[in-house]
Amino acid sequence: YGLPFEGVPQSYIDLSTMMTRMWASFIHDLDPNP
């Protein structure tokens, strides 16, 4: 019913990349930062 990243600026993609990595870091290290 619509694409979440359609027509958005690069900053949206960058935020997604940061969040994905934070979640993965937390699962791996129990800390979202490393």
PDB file of all heavy atoms in Angstrom:
ATOM      1  N   TYR A   1       0.821  -1.216   0.000  1.00  0.00           N
ATOM      2  CA  TYR A   1       0.000   0.000   0.000  1.00  0.00           C
ATOM      3  C   TYR A   1       0.853   1.264   0.000  1.00  0.00           C
ATOM      4  O   TYR A   1       0.419   2.307   0.468  1.00  0.00           O
ATOM      5  CB  TYR A   1      -0.925  -0.018   1.218  1.00  0.00           C
ATOM      6  CG  TYR A   1      -1.730  -1.287   1.331  1.00  0.00           C
ATOM      7  CD1 TYR A   1      -1.387  -2.278   2.246  1.00  0.00           C
ATOM      8  CD2 TYR A   1      -2.820  -1.525   0.490  1.00  0.00           C
ATOM      9  CE1 TYR A   1      -2.108  -3.460   2.342  1.00  0.00           C
ATOM     10  CE2 TYR A   1      -3.544  -2.704   0.580  1.00  0.00           C
ATOM     11  CZ  TYR A   1      -3.194  -3.664   1.500  1.00  0.00           C
ATOM     12  OH  TYR A   1      -3.909  -4.835   1.583  1.00  0.00           O
ATOM     13  N   GLY A   2       2.065   1.178  -0.509  1.00  0.00           N
ATOM     14  CA  GLY A   2       2.975   2.321  -0.538  1.00  0.00           C
ATOM     15  C   GLY A   2       4.359   1.905  -0.110  1.00  0.00           C
ATOM     16  O   GLY A   2       4.523   1.010   0.733  1.00  0.00           O
ATOM     17  N   LEU A   3       5.373   2.532  -0.677  1.00  0.00           N
ATOM     18  CA  LEU A   3       6.755   2.174  -0.400  1.00  0.00           C
ATOM     19  C   LEU A   3       7.375   3.167   0.580  1.00  0.00           C
ATOM     20  O   LEU A   3       7.358   4.377   0.338  1.00  0.00           O
ATOM     21  CB  LEU A   3       7.562   2.149  -1.703  1.00  0.00           C
ATOM     22  CG  LEU A   3       7.043   1.175  -2.773  1.00  0.00           C
ATOM     23  CD1 LEU A   3       7.874   1.301  -4.045  1.00  0.00           C
ATOM     24  CD2 LEU A   3       7.058  -0.252  -2.250  1.00  0.00           C
ATOM     25  N   PRO A   4       7.919   2.702   1.687  1.00  0.00           N
ATOM     26  CA  PRO A   4       8.385   3.618   2.745  1.00  0.00           C
ATOM     27  C   PRO A   4       9.532   4.523   2.338  1.00  0.00           C
ATOM     28  O   PRO A   4       9.686   5.615   2.899  1.00  0.00           O
ATOM     29  CB  PRO A   4       8.795   2.669   3.877  1.00  0.00           C
ATOM     30  CG  PRO A   4       8.992   1.344   3.240  1.00  0.00           C
ATOM     31  CD  PRO A   4       8.047   1.295   2.086  1.00  0.00           C
ATOM     32  N   PHE A   5      10.365   4.105   1.364  1.00  0.00           N
ATOM     33  CA  PHE A   5      11.527   4.914   0.999  1.00  0.00           C
ATOM     34  C   PHE A   5      11.389   5.537  -0.396  1.00  0.00           C
ATOM     35  O   PHE A   5      12.372   6.042  -0.938  1.00  0.00           O
ATOM     36  CB  PHE A   5      12.798   4.061   1.066  1.00  0.00           C
ATOM     37  CG  PHE A   5      13.194   3.683   2.466  1.00  0.00           C
ATOM     38  CD1 PHE A   5      12.825   2.455   3.007  1.00  0.00           C
ATOM     39  CD2 PHE A   5      13.918   4.556   3.259  1.00  0.00           C
ATOM     40  CE1 PHE A   5      13.184   2.102   4.292  1.00  0.00           C
ATOM     41  CE2 PHE A   5      14.283   4.216   4.554  1.00  0.00           C
ATOM     42  CZ  PHE A   5      13.912   2.986   5.077  1.00  0.00           C
ATOM     43  N   GLU A   6      10.207   5.536  -0.949  1.00  0.00           N
ATOM     44  CA  GLU A   6      10.028   6.080  -2.294  1.00  0.00           C
ATOM     45  C   GLU A   6      10.170   7.608  -2.273  1.00  0.00           C
ATOM     46  O   GLU A   6       9.437   8.318  -1.585  1.00  0.00           O
ATOM     47  CB  GLU A   6       8.657   5.700  -2.851  1.00  0.00           C
ATOM     48  CG  GLU A   6       8.442   6.119  -4.287  1.00  0.00           C
ATOM     49  CD  GLU A   6       7.138   5.583  -4.846  1.00  0.00           C
ATOM     50  OE1 GLU A   6       6.175   5.427  -4.066  1.00  0.00           O
ATOM     51  OE2 GLU A   6       7.081   5.320  -6.062  1.00  0.00           O
ATOM     52  N   GLY A   7      11.142   8.113  -3.016  1.00  0.00           N
ATOM     53  CA  GLY A   7      11.312   9.553  -3.156  1.00  0.00           C
ATOM     54  C   GLY A   7      11.902  10.259  -1.958  1.00  0.00           C
ATOM     55  O   GLY A   7      11.872  11.496  -1.897  1.00  0.00           O
ATOM     56  N   VAL A   8      12.464   9.528  -1.008  1.00  0.00           N
ATOM     57  CA  VAL A   8      13.010  10.166   0.191  1.00  0.00           C
ATOM     58  C   VAL A   8      14.463  10.564  -0.040  1.00  0.00           C
ATOM     59  O   VAL A   8      15.142  10.008  -0.901  1.00  0.00           O
ATOM     60  CB  VAL A   8      12.914   9.229   1.411  1.00  0.00           C
ATOM     61  CG1 VAL A   8      11.479   8.831   1.678  1.00  0.00           C
ATOM     62  CG2 VAL A   8      13.792   7.994   1.227  1.00  0.00           C
ATOM     63  N   PRO A   9      14.974  11.528   0.731  1.00  0.00           N
ATOM     64  CA  PRO A   9      16.382  11.927   0.578  1.00  0.00           C
ATOM     65  C   PRO A   9      17.329  10.869   1.134  1.00  0.00           C
ATOM     66  O   PRO A   9      16.921   9.951   1.866  1.00  0.00           O
ATOM     67  CB  PRO A   9      16.465  13.226   1.382  1.00  0.00           C
ATOM     68  CG  PRO A   9      15.332  13.144   2.353  1.00  0.00           C
ATOM     69  CD  PRO A   9      14.234  12.399   1.665  1.00  0.00           C
ATOM     70  N   GLN A  10      18.603  11.008   0.831  1.00  0.00           N
ATOM     71  CA  GLN A  10      19.625  10.059   1.269  1.00  0.00           C
ATOM     72  C   GLN A  10      19.687   9.938   2.785  1.00  0.00           C
ATOM     73  O   GLN A  10      20.044   8.883   3.325  1.00  0.00           O
ATOM     74  CB  GLN A  10      20.994  10.484   0.722  1.00  0.00           C
ATOM     75  CG  GLN A  10      22.145   9.559   1.091  1.00  0.00           C
ATOM     76  CD  GLN A  10      21.986   8.155   0.526  1.00  0.00           C
ATOM     77  OE1 GLN A  10      21.485   8.008  -0.591  1.00  0.00           O
ATOM     78  NE2 GLN A  10      22.395   7.144   1.274  1.00  0.00           N
ATOM     79  N   SER A  11      19.302  10.983   3.488  1.00  0.00           N
ATOM     80  CA  SER A  11      19.365  10.943   4.950  1.00  0.00           C
ATOM     81  C   SER A  11      18.483   9.834   5.528  1.00  0.00           C
ATOM     82  O   SER A  11      18.779   9.292   6.595  1.00  0.00           O
ATOM     83  CB  SER A  11      18.959  12.297   5.541  1.00  0.00           C
ATOM     84  OG  SER A  11      17.630  12.631   5.165  1.00  0.00           O
ATOM     85  N   TYR A  12      17.400   9.485   4.834  1.00  0.00           N
ATOM     86  CA  TYR A  12      16.534   8.395   5.288  1.00  0.00           C
ATOM     87  C   TYR A  12      17.267   7.051   5.166  1.00  0.00           C
ATOM     88  O   TYR A  12      17.175   6.204   6.056  1.00  0.00           O
ATOM     89  CB  TYR A  12      15.245   8.358   4.464  1.00  0.00           C
ATOM     90  CG  TYR A  12      14.220   9.383   4.862  1.00  0.00           C
ATOM     91  CD1 TYR A  12      14.491  10.746   4.810  1.00  0.00           C
ATOM     92  CD2 TYR A  12      12.947   9.008   5.291  1.00  0.00           C
ATOM     93  CE1 TYR A  12      13.546  11.692   5.161  1.00  0.00           C
ATOM     94  CE2 TYR A  12      11.994   9.943   5.647  1.00  0.00           C
ATOM     95  CZ  TYR A  12      12.301  11.287   5.589  1.00  0.00           C
ATOM     96  OH  TYR A  12      11.363  12.228   5.941  1.00  0.00           O
ATOM     97  N   ILE A  13      17.958   6.877   4.047  1.00  0.00           N
ATOM     98  CA  ILE A  13      18.717   5.652   3.838  1.00  0.00           C
ATOM     99  C   ILE A  13      19.827   5.544   4.886  1.00  0.00           C
ATOM    100  O   ILE A  13      20.070   4.478   5.452  1.00  0.00           O
ATOM    101  CB  ILE A  13      19.336   5.614   2.422  1.00  0.00           C
ATOM    102  CG1 ILE A  13      18.287   5.991   1.364  1.00  0.00           C
ATOM    103  CG2 ILE A  13      19.966   4.265   2.139  1.00  0.00           C
ATOM    104  CD1 ILE A  13      17.117   5.079   1.287  1.00  0.00           C
ATOM    105  N   ASP A  14      20.479   6.659   5.140  1.00  0.00           N
ATOM    106  CA  ASP A  14      21.569   6.677   6.121  1.00  0.00           C
ATOM    107  C   ASP A  14      21.051   6.323   7.517  1.00  0.00           C
ATOM    108  O   ASP A  14      21.715   5.597   8.273  1.00  0.00           O
ATOM    109  CB  ASP A  14      22.246   8.047   6.140  1.00  0.00           C
ATOM    110  CG  ASP A  14      22.965   8.369   4.841  1.00  0.00           C
ATOM    111  OD1 ASP A  14      23.239   7.432   4.062  1.00  0.00           O
ATOM    112  OD2 ASP A  14      23.230   9.566   4.596  1.00  0.00           O
ATOM    113  N   LEU A  15      19.883   6.854   7.866  1.00  0.00           N
ATOM    114  CA  LEU A  15      19.309   6.539   9.170  1.00  0.00           C
ATOM    115  C   LEU A  15      18.992   5.048   9.261  1.00  0.00           C
ATOM    116  O   LEU A  15      19.263   4.402  10.284  1.00  0.00           O
ATOM    117  CB  LEU A  15      18.043   7.360   9.420  1.00  0.00           C
ATOM    118  CG  LEU A  15      17.306   7.044  10.731  1.00  0.00           C
ATOM    119  CD1 LEU A  15      18.193   7.359  11.940  1.00  0.00           C
ATOM    120  CD2 LEU A  15      15.987   7.815  10.822  1.00  0.00           C
ATOM    121  N   SER A  16      18.431   4.491   8.198  1.00  0.00           N
ATOM    122  CA  SER A  16      18.137   3.060   8.188  1.00  0.00           C
ATOM    123  C   SER A  16      19.410   2.245   8.378  1.00  0.00           C
ATOM    124  O   SER A  16      19.430   1.276   9.151  1.00  0.00           O
ATOM    125  CB  SER A  16      17.453   2.672   6.874  1.00  0.00           C
ATOM    126  OG  SER A  16      17.271   1.279   6.792  1.00  0.00           O
ATOM    127  N   THR A  17      20.470   2.620   7.693  1.00  0.00           N
ATOM    128  CA  THR A  17      21.742   1.908   7.836  1.00  0.00           C
ATOM    129  C   THR A  17      22.237   1.963   9.275  1.00  0.00           C
ATOM    130  O   THR A  17      22.677   0.944   9.841  1.00  0.00           O
ATOM    131  CB  THR A  17      22.803   2.510   6.892  1.00  0.00           C
ATOM    132  OG1 THR A  17      22.350   2.379   5.536  1.00  0.00           O
ATOM    133  CG2 THR A  17      24.134   1.810   7.050  1.00  0.00           C
ATOM    134  N   MET A  18      22.150   3.133   9.892  1.00  0.00           N
ATOM    135  CA  MET A  18      22.585   3.267  11.282  1.00  0.00           C
ATOM    136  C   MET A  18      21.733   2.409  12.208  1.00  0.00           C
ATOM    137  O   MET A  18      22.269   1.702  13.091  1.00  0.00           O
ATOM    138  CB  MET A  18      22.529   4.732  11.713  1.00  0.00           C
ATOM    139  CG  MET A  18      23.051   4.959  13.136  1.00  0.00           C
ATOM    140  SD  MET A  18      22.988   6.681  13.684  1.00  0.00           S
ATOM    141  CE  MET A  18      21.246   6.838  14.123  1.00  0.00           C
ATOM    142  N   MET A  19      20.406   2.431  12.017  1.00  0.00           N
ATOM    143  CA  MET A  19      19.534   1.667  12.900  1.00  0.00           C
ATOM    144  C   MET A  19      19.755   0.171  12.741  1.00  0.00           C
ATOM    145  O   MET A  19      19.832  -0.573  13.729  1.00  0.00           O
ATOM    146  CB  MET A  19      18.075   2.033  12.629  1.00  0.00           C
ATOM    147  CG  MET A  19      17.712   3.439  13.075  1.00  0.00           C
ATOM    148  SD  MET A  19      16.007   3.906  12.647  1.00  0.00           S
ATOM    149  CE  MET A  19      15.062   2.752  13.667  1.00  0.00           C
ATOM    150  N   THR A  20      19.859  -0.286  11.500  1.00  0.00           N
ATOM    151  CA  THR A  20      20.109  -1.709  11.260  1.00  0.00           C
ATOM    152  C   THR A  20      21.373  -2.159  11.973  1.00  0.00           C
ATOM    153  O   THR A  20      21.410  -3.231  12.601  1.00  0.00           O
ATOM    154  CB  THR A  20      20.241  -1.969   9.741  1.00  0.00           C
ATOM    155  OG1 THR A  20      19.017  -1.618   9.101  1.00  0.00           O
ATOM    156  CG2 THR A  20      20.569  -3.413   9.454  1.00  0.00           C
ATOM    157  N   ARG A  21      22.407  -1.348  11.897  1.00  0.00           N
ATOM    158  CA  ARG A  21      23.679  -1.703  12.527  1.00  0.00           C
ATOM    159  C   ARG A  21      23.588  -1.626  14.049  1.00  0.00           C
ATOM    160  O   ARG A  21      24.206  -2.431  14.752  1.00  0.00           O
ATOM    161  CB  ARG A  21      24.783  -0.789  11.997  1.00  0.00           C
ATOM    162  CG  ARG A  21      25.093  -1.066  10.530  1.00  0.00           C
ATOM    163  CD  ARG A  21      26.122  -0.116   9.950  1.00  0.00           C
ATOM    164  NE  ARG A  21      26.482  -0.521   8.588  1.00  0.00           N
ATOM    165  CZ  ARG A  21      27.332   0.131   7.808  1.00  0.00           C
ATOM    166  NH1 ARG A  21      27.902   1.254   8.251  1.00  0.00           N
ATOM    167  NH2 ARG A  21      27.600  -0.309   6.598  1.00  0.00           N
ATOM    168  N   MET A  22      22.830  -0.679  14.563  1.00  0.00           N
ATOM    169  CA  MET A  22      22.661  -0.588  16.013  1.00  0.00           C
ATOM    170  C   MET A  22      21.941  -1.824  16.551  1.00  0.00           C
ATOM    171  O   MET A  22      22.338  -2.394  17.574  1.00  0.00           O
ATOM    172  CB  MET A  22      21.890   0.682  16.373  1.00  0.00           C
ATOM    173  CG  MET A  22      22.732   1.955  16.304  1.00  0.00           C
ATOM    174  SD  MET A  22      21.768   3.439  16.691  1.00  0.00           S
ATOM    175  CE  MET A  22      23.091   4.595  17.125  1.00  0.00           C
ATOM    176  N   TRP A  23      20.893  -2.245  15.854  1.00  0.00           N
ATOM    177  CA  TRP A  23      20.137  -3.420  16.303  1.00  0.00           C
ATOM    178  C   TRP A  23      21.030  -4.662  16.254  1.00  0.00           C
ATOM    179  O   TRP A  23      21.035  -5.473  17.175  1.00  0.00           O
ATOM    180  CB  TRP A  23      18.888  -3.601  15.455  1.00  0.00           C
ATOM    181  CG  TRP A  23      17.624  -3.012  15.990  1.00  0.00           C
ATOM    182  CD1 TRP A  23      16.470  -3.708  16.262  1.00  0.00           C
ATOM    183  CD2 TRP A  23      17.320  -1.646  16.310  1.00  0.00           C
ATOM    184  NE1 TRP A  23      15.485  -2.861  16.730  1.00  0.00           N
ATOM    185  CE2 TRP A  23      15.979  -1.587  16.767  1.00  0.00           C
ATOM    186  CE3 TRP A  23      18.046  -0.456  16.256  1.00  0.00           C
ATOM    187  CZ2 TRP A  23      15.367  -0.401  17.154  1.00  0.00           C
ATOM    188  CZ3 TRP A  23      17.431   0.735  16.646  1.00  0.00           C
ATOM    189  CH2 TRP A  23      16.119   0.753  17.091  1.00  0.00           C
ATOM    190  N   ALA A  24      21.780  -4.814  15.146  1.00  0.00           N
ATOM    191  CA  ALA A  24      22.678  -5.963  15.008  1.00  0.00           C
ATOM    192  C   ALA A  24      23.763  -5.935  16.091  1.00  0.00           C
ATOM    193  O   ALA A  24      24.109  -6.979  16.668  1.00  0.00           O
ATOM    194  CB  ALA A  24      23.310  -5.969  13.619  1.00  0.00           C
ATOM    195  N   SER A  25      24.296  -4.757  16.368  1.00  0.00           N
ATOM    196  CA  SER A  25      25.318  -4.630  17.407  1.00  0.00           C
ATOM    197  C   SER A  25      24.778  -5.029  18.767  1.00  0.00           C
ATOM    198  O   SER A  25      25.452  -5.695  19.558  1.00  0.00           O
ATOM    199  CB  SER A  25      25.851  -3.194  17.468  1.00  0.00           C
ATOM    200  OG  SER A  25      26.597  -2.873  16.323  1.00  0.00           O
ATOM    201  N   PHE A  26      23.525  -4.633  19.041  1.00  0.00           N
ATOM    202  CA  PHE A  26      22.930  -4.978  20.330  1.00  0.00           C
ATOM    203  C   PHE A  26      22.746  -6.486  20.451  1.00  0.00           C
ATOM    204  O   PHE A  26      23.039  -7.079  21.498  1.00  0.00           O
ATOM    205  CB  PHE A  26      21.592  -4.262  20.497  1.00  0.00           C
ATOM    206  CG  PHE A  26      20.913  -4.548  21.803  1.00  0.00           C
ATOM    207  CD1 PHE A  26      21.297  -3.887  22.956  1.00  0.00           C
ATOM    208  CD2 PHE A  26      19.898  -5.496  21.884  1.00  0.00           C
ATOM    209  CE1 PHE A  26      20.682  -4.159  24.175  1.00  0.00           C
ATOM    210  CE2 PHE A  26      19.279  -5.782  23.092  1.00  0.00           C
ATOM    211  CZ  PHE A  26      19.671  -5.111  24.238  1.00  0.00           C
ATOM    212  N   ILE A  27      22.248  -7.118  19.398  1.00  0.00           N
ATOM    213  CA  ILE A  27      22.069  -8.570  19.421  1.00  0.00           C
ATOM    214  C   ILE A  27      23.407  -9.269  19.638  1.00  0.00           C
ATOM    215  O   ILE A  27      23.498 -10.262  20.366  1.00  0.00           O
ATOM    216  CB  ILE A  27      21.390  -9.043  18.122  1.00  0.00           C
ATOM    217  CG1 ILE A  27      19.938  -8.535  18.064  1.00  0.00           C
ATOM    218  CG2 ILE A  27      21.428 -10.566  18.001  1.00  0.00           C
ATOM    219  CD1 ILE A  27      19.260  -8.737  16.717  1.00  0.00           C
ATOM    220  N   HIS A  28      24.466  -8.718  19.055  1.00  0.00           N
ATOM    221  CA  HIS A  28      25.784  -9.352  19.148  1.00  0.00           C
ATOM    222  C   HIS A  28      26.490  -9.032  20.462  1.00  0.00           C
ATOM    223  O   HIS A  28      27.074  -9.926  21.103  1.00  0.00           O
ATOM    224  CB  HIS A  28      26.663  -8.901  17.970  1.00  0.00           C
ATOM    225  CG  HIS A  28      27.923  -9.675  17.810  1.00  0.00           C
ATOM    226  ND1 HIS A  28      29.075  -9.382  18.522  1.00  0.00           N
ATOM    227  CD2 HIS A  28      28.222 -10.727  17.017  1.00  0.00           C
ATOM    228  CE1 HIS A  28      30.024 -10.236  18.169  1.00  0.00           C
ATOM    229  NE2 HIS A  28      29.542 -11.059  17.260  1.00  0.00           N
ATOM    230  N   ASP A  29      26.449  -7.770  20.884  1.00  0.00           N
ATOM    231  CA  ASP A  29      27.261  -7.306  22.023  1.00  0.00           C
ATOM    232  C   ASP A  29      26.467  -6.835  23.234  1.00  0.00           C
ATOM    233  O   ASP A  29      27.070  -6.460  24.248  1.00  0.00           O
ATOM    234  CB  ASP A  29      28.144  -6.130  21.572  1.00  0.00           C
ATOM    235  CG  ASP A  29      29.218  -6.540  20.587  1.00  0.00           C
ATOM    236  OD1 ASP A  29      29.520  -7.743  20.506  1.00  0.00           O
ATOM    237  OD2 ASP A  29      29.748  -5.656  19.893  1.00  0.00           O
ATOM    238  N   LEU A  30      25.132  -6.788  23.118  1.00  0.00           N
ATOM    239  CA  LEU A  30      24.291  -6.196  24.163  1.00  0.00           C
ATOM    240  C   LEU A  30      24.534  -4.699  24.304  1.00  0.00           C
ATOM    241  O   LEU A  30      24.215  -4.098  25.332  1.00  0.00           O
ATOM    242  CB  LEU A  30      24.492  -6.894  25.516  1.00  0.00           C
ATOM    243  CG  LEU A  30      24.273  -8.420  25.528  1.00  0.00           C
ATOM    244  CD1 LEU A  30      24.450  -8.964  26.935  1.00  0.00           C
ATOM    245  CD2 LEU A  30      22.907  -8.787  24.966  1.00  0.00           C
ATOM    246  N   ASP A  31      25.081  -4.095  23.278  1.00  0.00           N
ATOM    247  CA  ASP A  31      25.376  -2.665  23.225  1.00  0.00           C
ATOM    248  C   ASP A  31      25.175  -2.230  21.770  1.00  0.00           C
ATOM    249  O   ASP A  31      25.780  -2.811  20.871  1.00  0.00           O
ATOM    250  CB  ASP A  31      26.812  -2.414  23.671  1.00  0.00           C
ATOM    251  CG  ASP A  31      27.189  -0.936  23.735  1.00  0.00           C
ATOM    252  OD1 ASP A  31      26.555  -0.117  23.043  1.00  0.00           O
ATOM    253  OD2 ASP A  31      28.137  -0.614  24.475  1.00  0.00           O
ATOM    254  N   PRO A  32      24.339  -1.227  21.508  1.00  0.00           N
ATOM    255  CA  PRO A  32      24.055  -0.851  20.115  1.00  0.00           C
ATOM    256  C   PRO A  32      25.143  -0.017  19.452  1.00  0.00           C
ATOM    257  O   PRO A  32      25.031   0.287  18.258  1.00  0.00           O
ATOM    258  CB  PRO A  32      22.769  -0.038  20.243  1.00  0.00           C
ATOM    259  CG  PRO A  32      22.853   0.576  21.604  1.00  0.00           C
ATOM    260  CD  PRO A  32      23.521  -0.453  22.460  1.00  0.00           C
ATOM    261  N   ASN A  33      26.181   0.339  20.163  1.00  0.00           N
ATOM    262  CA  ASN A  33      27.154   1.293  19.634  1.00  0.00           C
ATOM    263  C   ASN A  33      28.349   0.716  18.877  1.00  0.00           C
ATOM    264  O   ASN A  33      28.794   1.327  17.897  1.00  0.00           O
ATOM    265  CB  ASN A  33      27.668   2.174  20.787  1.00  0.00           C
ATOM    266  CG  ASN A  33      26.584   3.055  21.376  1.00  0.00           C
ATOM    267  OD1 ASN A  33      26.116   4.002  20.751  1.00  0.00           O
ATOM    268  ND2 ASN A  33      26.162   2.737  22.597  1.00  0.00           N
ATOM    269  N   PRO A  34      28.922  -0.432  19.259  1.00  0.00           N
ATOM    270  CA  PRO A  34      30.239  -0.812  18.723  1.00  0.00           C
ATOM    271  C   PRO A  34      30.321  -0.991  17.215  1.00  0.00           C
ATOM    272  O   PRO A  34      31.363  -0.680  16.620  1.00  0.00           O
ATOM    273  CB  PRO A  34      30.525  -2.144  19.439  1.00  0.00           C
ATOM    274  CG  PRO A  34      29.731  -2.097  20.677  1.00  0.00           C
ATOM    275  CD  PRO A  34      28.480  -1.364  20.306  1.00  0.00           C
TER     276      PRO A  34
END
